[in-house]
Amino acid sequence: MGRLQEGERQHKERQVEGLLRGTWFGLRESEIAQELGWERRTVNNYLRDLEREGRAYKEGRCWLADE
């Protein structure tokens, strides 16, 4: 896996967070991966980072943006 360019990680986090903010009922990792064209494991890594930062949370199998 290659290194990310400067600012790319933040951009990708914003992409994931933007998708979560665009839904009332949350999204599954697989739905986010399909929408962004990423591997599910990559999406999981970004979701876990957002969760640690208090910007997303998981409810059942769906992820939602934290307000």
PDB file of N, CA and C in Angstrom:
ATOM      1  N   MET A   1       0.839  -1.179   0.000  1.00  0.00           N
ATOM      2  CA  MET A   1       0.000   0.000   0.000  1.00  0.00           C
ATOM      3  C   MET A   1       0.880   1.237   0.000  1.00  0.00           C
ATOM      4  N   GLY A   2       0.587   2.171  -0.865  1.00  0.00           N
ATOM      5  CA  GLY A   2       1.383   3.377  -0.978  1.00  0.00           C
ATOM      6  C   GLY A   2       1.062   4.386   0.104  1.00  0.00           C
ATOM      7  N   ARG A   3       1.980   5.305   0.251  1.00  0.00           N
ATOM      8  CA  ARG A   3       1.771   6.372   1.226  1.00  0.00           C
ATOM      9  C   ARG A   3       0.776   7.388   0.673  1.00  0.00           C
ATOM     10  N   LEU A   4       0.036   8.001   1.572  1.00  0.00           N
ATOM     11  CA  LEU A   4      -0.917   9.030   1.171  1.00  0.00           C
ATOM     12  C   LEU A   4      -0.203  10.364   1.005  1.00  0.00           C
ATOM     13  N   GLN A   5      -0.657  11.132   0.055  1.00  0.00           N
ATOM     14  CA  GLN A   5      -0.127  12.476  -0.133  1.00  0.00           C
ATOM     15  C   GLN A   5      -0.585  13.356   1.031  1.00  0.00           C
ATOM     16  N   GLU A   6       0.109  14.461   1.231  1.00  0.00           N
ATOM     17  CA  GLU A   6      -0.243  15.379   2.311  1.00  0.00           C
ATOM     18  C   GLU A   6      -1.675  15.866   2.135  1.00  0.00           C
ATOM     19  N   GLY A   7      -2.454  15.762   3.192  1.00  0.00           N
ATOM     20  CA  GLY A   7      -3.840  16.209   3.171  1.00  0.00           C
ATOM     21  C   GLY A   7      -4.821  15.178   2.629  1.00  0.00           C
ATOM     22  N   GLU A   8      -4.314  14.084   2.065  1.00  0.00           N
ATOM     23  CA  GLU A   8      -5.198  13.085   1.470  1.00  0.00           C
ATOM     24  C   GLU A   8      -6.014  12.340   2.530  1.00  0.00           C
ATOM     25  N   ARG A   9      -5.395  12.049   3.655  1.00  0.00           N
ATOM     26  CA  ARG A   9      -6.118  11.347   4.723  1.00  0.00           C
ATOM     27  C   ARG A   9      -7.303  12.183   5.216  1.00  0.00           C
ATOM     28  N   GLN A  10      -7.083  13.461   5.433  1.00  0.00           N
ATOM     29  CA  GLN A  10      -8.157  14.335   5.894  1.00  0.00           C
ATOM     30  C   GLN A  10      -9.270  14.427   4.842  1.00  0.00           C
ATOM     31  N   HIS A  11      -8.874  14.486   3.583  1.00  0.00           N
ATOM     32  CA  HIS A  11      -9.851  14.541   2.501  1.00  0.00           C
ATOM     33  C   HIS A  11     -10.719  13.282   2.504  1.00  0.00           C
ATOM     34  N   LYS A  12     -10.092  12.131   2.666  1.00  0.00           N
ATOM     35  CA  LYS A  12     -10.824  10.864   2.667  1.00  0.00           C
ATOM     36  C   LYS A  12     -11.732  10.759   3.895  1.00  0.00           C
ATOM     37  N   GLU A  13     -11.257  11.235   5.032  1.00  0.00           N
ATOM     38  CA  GLU A  13     -12.112  11.256   6.230  1.00  0.00           C
ATOM     39  C   GLU A  13     -13.342  12.111   5.978  1.00  0.00           C
ATOM     40  N   ARG A  14     -13.162  13.262   5.350  1.00  0.00           N
ATOM     41  CA  ARG A  14     -14.294  14.145   5.044  1.00  0.00           C
ATOM     42  C   ARG A  14     -15.267  13.490   4.072  1.00  0.00           C
ATOM     43  N   GLN A  15     -14.749  12.689   3.135  1.00  0.00           N
ATOM     44  CA  GLN A  15     -15.625  11.981   2.204  1.00  0.00           C
ATOM     45  C   GLN A  15     -16.526  11.000   2.959  1.00  0.00           C
ATOM     46  N   VAL A  16     -15.936  10.230   3.850  1.00  0.00           N
ATOM     47  CA  VAL A  16     -16.705   9.261   4.628  1.00  0.00           C
ATOM     48  C   VAL A  16     -17.706   9.991   5.521  1.00  0.00           C
ATOM     49  N   GLU A  17     -17.252  11.006   6.213  1.00  0.00           N
ATOM     50  CA  GLU A  17     -18.131  11.758   7.103  1.00  0.00           C
ATOM     51  C   GLU A  17     -19.266  12.423   6.321  1.00  0.00           C
ATOM     52  N   GLY A  18     -18.977  12.921   5.137  1.00  0.00           N
ATOM     53  CA  GLY A  18     -20.007  13.533   4.297  1.00  0.00           C
ATOM     54  C   GLY A  18     -21.100  12.554   3.917  1.00  0.00           C
ATOM     55  N   LEU A  19     -20.716  11.335   3.590  1.00  0.00           N
ATOM     56  CA  LEU A  19     -21.720  10.312   3.284  1.00  0.00           C
ATOM     57  C   LEU A  19     -22.592  10.027   4.504  1.00  0.00           C
ATOM     58  N   LEU A  20     -21.966   9.936   5.670  1.00  0.00           N
ATOM     59  CA  LEU A  20     -22.732   9.668   6.883  1.00  0.00           C
ATOM     60  C   LEU A  20     -23.691  10.800   7.205  1.00  0.00           C
ATOM     61  N   ARG A  21     -23.257  12.018   6.985  1.00  0.00           N
ATOM     62  CA  ARG A  21     -24.118  13.176   7.265  1.00  0.00           C
ATOM     63  C   ARG A  21     -25.282  13.272   6.284  1.00  0.00           C
ATOM     64  N   GLY A  22     -25.149  12.625   5.145  1.00  0.00           N
ATOM     65  CA  GLY A  22     -26.198  12.673   4.127  1.00  0.00           C
ATOM     66  C   GLY A  22     -27.292  11.641   4.301  1.00  0.00           C
ATOM     67  N   THR A  23     -27.291  10.927   5.410  1.00  0.00           N
ATOM     68  CA  THR A  23     -28.313   9.897   5.634  1.00  0.00           C
ATOM     69  C   THR A  23     -28.884  10.000   7.042  1.00  0.00           C
ATOM     70  N   TRP A  24     -30.161   9.710   7.161  1.00  0.00           N
ATOM     71  CA  TRP A  24     -30.824   9.724   8.463  1.00  0.00           C
ATOM     72  C   TRP A  24     -30.649   8.408   9.203  1.00  0.00           C
ATOM     73  N   PHE A  25     -30.522   7.315   8.447  1.00  0.00           N
ATOM     74  CA  PHE A  25     -30.542   5.982   9.046  1.00  0.00           C
ATOM     75  C   PHE A  25     -29.187   5.316   9.112  1.00  0.00           C
ATOM     76  N   GLY A  26     -28.158   5.996   8.676  1.00  0.00           N
ATOM     77  CA  GLY A  26     -26.819   5.436   8.722  1.00  0.00           C
ATOM     78  C   GLY A  26     -26.519   4.558   7.523  1.00  0.00           C
ATOM     79  N   LEU A  27     -25.274   4.152   7.418  1.00  0.00           N
ATOM     80  CA  LEU A  27     -24.814   3.313   6.316  1.00  0.00           C
ATOM     81  C   LEU A  27     -23.951   2.188   6.851  1.00  0.00           C
ATOM     82  N   ARG A  28     -24.000   1.061   6.184  1.00  0.00           N
ATOM     83  CA  ARG A  28     -23.110  -0.053   6.514  1.00  0.00           C
ATOM     84  C   ARG A  28     -21.764   0.187   5.849  1.00  0.00           C
ATOM     85  N   GLU A  29     -20.728  -0.436   6.398  1.00  0.00           N
ATOM     86  CA  GLU A  29     -19.387  -0.315   5.818  1.00  0.00           C
ATOM     87  C   GLU A  29     -19.404  -0.685   4.338  1.00  0.00           C
ATOM     88  N   SER A  30     -20.100  -1.749   4.001  1.00  0.00           N
ATOM     89  CA  SER A  30     -20.144  -2.213   2.611  1.00  0.00           C
ATOM     90  C   SER A  30     -20.797  -1.182   1.693  1.00  0.00           C
ATOM     91  N   GLU A  31     -21.790  -0.465   2.186  1.00  0.00           N
ATOM     92  CA  GLU A  31     -22.452   0.570   1.383  1.00  0.00           C
ATOM     93  C   GLU A  31     -21.517   1.753   1.140  1.00  0.00           C
ATOM     94  N   ILE A  32     -20.771   2.120   2.165  1.00  0.00           N
ATOM     95  CA  ILE A  32     -19.813   3.218   2.026  1.00  0.00           C
ATOM     96  C   ILE A  32     -18.719   2.816   1.044  1.00  0.00           C
ATOM     97  N   ALA A  33     -18.215   1.592   1.192  1.00  0.00           N
ATOM     98  CA  ALA A  33     -17.163   1.093   0.301  1.00  0.00           C
ATOM     99  C   ALA A  33     -17.630   1.095  -1.147  1.00  0.00           C
ATOM    100  N   GLN A  34     -18.842   0.641  -1.382  1.00  0.00           N
ATOM    101  CA  GLN A  34     -19.383   0.600  -2.739  1.00  0.00           C
ATOM    102  C   GLN A  34     -19.532   2.019  -3.302  1.00  0.00           C
ATOM    103  N   GLU A  35     -20.043   2.924  -2.506  1.00  0.00           N
ATOM    104  CA  GLU A  35     -20.254   4.303  -2.954  1.00  0.00           C
ATOM    105  C   GLU A  35     -18.942   4.994  -3.318  1.00  0.00           C
ATOM    106  N   LEU A  36     -17.896   4.752  -2.517  1.00  0.00           N
ATOM    107  CA  LEU A  36     -16.615   5.415  -2.731  1.00  0.00           C
ATOM    108  C   LEU A  36     -15.666   4.626  -3.633  1.00  0.00           C
ATOM    109  N   GLY A  37     -15.990   3.355  -3.894  1.00  0.00           N
ATOM    110  CA  GLY A  37     -15.112   2.523  -4.710  1.00  0.00           C
ATOM    111  C   GLY A  37     -13.858   2.098  -3.972  1.00  0.00           C
ATOM    112  N   TRP A  38     -13.958   1.956  -2.654  1.00  0.00           N
ATOM    113  CA  TRP A  38     -12.839   1.572  -1.813  1.00  0.00           C
ATOM    114  C   TRP A  38     -13.045   0.146  -1.313  1.00  0.00           C
ATOM    115  N   GLU A  39     -11.980  -0.437  -0.768  1.00  0.00           N
ATOM    116  CA  GLU A  39     -12.078  -1.721  -0.086  1.00  0.00           C
ATOM    117  C   GLU A  39     -12.790  -1.506   1.252  1.00  0.00           C
ATOM    118  N   ARG A  40     -13.536  -2.507   1.671  1.00  0.00           N
ATOM    119  CA  ARG A  40     -14.268  -2.406   2.932  1.00  0.00           C
ATOM    120  C   ARG A  40     -13.329  -2.192   4.120  1.00  0.00           C
ATOM    121  N   ARG A  41     -12.186  -2.827   4.109  1.00  0.00           N
ATOM    122  CA  ARG A  41     -11.218  -2.683   5.208  1.00  0.00           C
ATOM    123  C   ARG A  41     -10.715  -1.241   5.304  1.00  0.00           C
ATOM    124  N   THR A  42     -10.512  -0.602   4.176  1.00  0.00           N
ATOM    125  CA  THR A  42     -10.083   0.798   4.165  1.00  0.00           C
ATOM    126  C   THR A  42     -11.152   1.674   4.797  1.00  0.00           C
ATOM    127  N   VAL A  43     -12.398   1.441   4.424  1.00  0.00           N
ATOM    128  CA  VAL A  43     -13.515   2.197   5.007  1.00  0.00           C
ATOM    129  C   VAL A  43     -13.553   1.986   6.512  1.00  0.00           C
ATOM    130  N   ASN A  44     -13.371   0.748   6.950  1.00  0.00           N
ATOM    131  CA  ASN A  44     -13.382   0.449   8.377  1.00  0.00           C
ATOM    132  C   ASN A  44     -12.318   1.245   9.120  1.00  0.00           C
ATOM    133  N   ASN A  45     -11.137   1.360   8.538  1.00  0.00           N
ATOM    134  CA  ASN A  45     -10.059   2.128   9.175  1.00  0.00           C
ATOM    135  C   ASN A  45     -10.457   3.585   9.355  1.00  0.00           C
ATOM    136  N   TYR A  46     -11.041   4.180   8.333  1.00  0.00           N
ATOM    137  CA  TYR A  46     -11.462   5.582   8.441  1.00  0.00           C
ATOM    138  C   TYR A  46     -12.612   5.742   9.438  1.00  0.00           C
ATOM    139  N   LEU A  47     -13.544   4.802   9.446  1.00  0.00           N
ATOM    140  CA  LEU A  47     -14.650   4.872  10.398  1.00  0.00           C
ATOM    141  C   LEU A  47     -14.150   4.778  11.832  1.00  0.00           C
ATOM    142  N   ARG A  48     -13.218   3.903  12.084  1.00  0.00           N
ATOM    143  CA  ARG A  48     -12.663   3.761  13.448  1.00  0.00           C
ATOM    144  C   ARG A  48     -11.937   5.037  13.872  1.00  0.00           C
ATOM    145  N   ASP A  49     -11.227   5.671  12.940  1.00  0.00           N
ATOM    146  CA  ASP A  49     -10.571   6.947  13.256  1.00  0.00           C
ATOM    147  C   ASP A  49     -11.611   8.015  13.575  1.00  0.00           C
ATOM    148  N   LEU A  50     -12.667   8.090  12.777  1.00  0.00           N
ATOM    149  CA  LEU A  50     -13.732   9.062  13.031  1.00  0.00           C
ATOM    150  C   LEU A  50     -14.411   8.785  14.368  1.00  0.00           C
ATOM    151  N   GLU A  51     -14.568   7.521  14.706  1.00  0.00           N
ATOM    152  CA  GLU A  51     -15.171   7.150  15.984  1.00  0.00           C
ATOM    153  C   GLU A  51     -14.287   7.610  17.148  1.00  0.00           C
ATOM    154  N   ARG A  52     -12.986   7.386  17.041  1.00  0.00           N
ATOM    155  CA  ARG A  52     -12.052   7.826  18.096  1.00  0.00           C
ATOM    156  C   ARG A  52     -12.079   9.341  18.281  1.00  0.00           C
ATOM    157  N   GLU A  53     -12.311  10.056  17.180  1.00  0.00           N
ATOM    158  CA  GLU A  53     -12.353  11.518  17.228  1.00  0.00           C
ATOM    159  C   GLU A  53     -13.727  12.048  17.637  1.00  0.00           C
ATOM    160  N   GLY A  54     -14.696  11.162  17.846  1.00  0.00           N
ATOM    161  CA  GLY A  54     -16.036  11.579  18.246  1.00  0.00           C
ATOM    162  C   GLY A  54     -16.856  12.142  17.100  1.00  0.00           C
ATOM    163  N   ARG A  55     -16.498  11.795  15.870  1.00  0.00           N
ATOM    164  CA  ARG A  55     -17.196  12.336  14.700  1.00  0.00           C
ATOM    165  C   ARG A  55     -18.145  11.331  14.054  1.00  0.00           C
ATOM    166  N   ALA A  56     -18.119  10.062  14.513  1.00  0.00           N
ATOM    167  CA  ALA A  56     -19.005   9.025  13.999  1.00  0.00           C
ATOM    168  C   ALA A  56     -19.212   7.979  15.087  1.00  0.00           C
ATOM    169  N   TYR A  57     -20.314   7.254  14.983  1.00  0.00           N
ATOM    170  CA  TYR A  57     -20.576   6.168  15.921  1.00  0.00           C
ATOM    171  C   TYR A  57     -21.345   5.067  15.212  1.00  0.00           C
ATOM    172  N   LYS A  58     -21.280   3.883  15.792  1.00  0.00           N
ATOM    173  CA  LYS A  58     -21.926   2.717  15.204  1.00  0.00           C
ATOM    174  C   LYS A  58     -23.150   2.349  16.022  1.00  0.00           C
ATOM    175  N   GLU A  59     -24.254   2.122  15.325  1.00  0.00           N
ATOM    176  CA  GLU A  59     -25.497   1.694  15.952  1.00  0.00           C
ATOM    177  C   GLU A  59     -25.965   0.445  15.217  1.00  0.00           C
ATOM    178  N   GLY A  60     -25.868  -0.692  15.876  1.00  0.00           N
ATOM    179  CA  GLY A  60     -26.145  -1.955  15.190  1.00  0.00           C
ATOM    180  C   GLY A  60     -25.072  -2.199  14.138  1.00  0.00           C
ATOM    181  N   ARG A  61     -25.489  -2.376  12.880  1.00  0.00           N
ATOM    182  CA  ARG A  61     -24.520  -2.571  11.798  1.00  0.00           C
ATOM    183  C   ARG A  61     -24.297  -1.298  10.984  1.00  0.00           C
ATOM    184  N   CYS A  62     -24.941  -0.217  11.377  1.00  0.00           N
ATOM    185  CA  CYS A  62     -24.845   1.027  10.607  1.00  0.00           C
ATOM    186  C   CYS A  62     -24.017   2.078  11.342  1.00  0.00           C
ATOM    187  N   TRP A  63     -23.348   2.874  10.545  1.00  0.00           N
ATOM    188  CA  TRP A  63     -22.543   3.985  11.050  1.00  0.00           C
ATOM    189  C   TRP A  63     -23.280   5.290  10.794  1.00  0.00           C
ATOM    190  N   LEU A  64     -23.196   6.200  11.757  1.00  0.00           N
ATOM    191  CA  LEU A  64     -23.837   7.507  11.657  1.00  0.00           C
ATOM    192  C   LEU A  64     -22.835   8.592  12.030  1.00  0.00           C
ATOM    193  N   ALA A  65     -23.052   9.777  11.497  1.00  0.00           N
ATOM    194  CA  ALA A  65     -22.217  10.925  11.874  1.00  0.00           C
ATOM    195  C   ALA A  65     -22.667  11.412  13.237  1.00  0.00           C
ATOM    196  N   ASP A  66     -21.700  11.747  14.080  1.00  0.00           N
ATOM    197  CA  ASP A  66     -22.011  12.302  15.381  1.00  0.00           C
ATOM    198  C   ASP A  66     -22.265  13.796  15.212  1.00  0.00           C
ATOM    199  N   GLU A  67     -23.221  14.300  15.916  1.00  0.00           N
ATOM    200  CA  GLU A  67     -23.589  15.711  15.790  1.00  0.00           C
ATOM    201  C   GLU A  67     -22.742  16.548  16.625  1.00  0.00           C
TER     202      GLU A  67
END
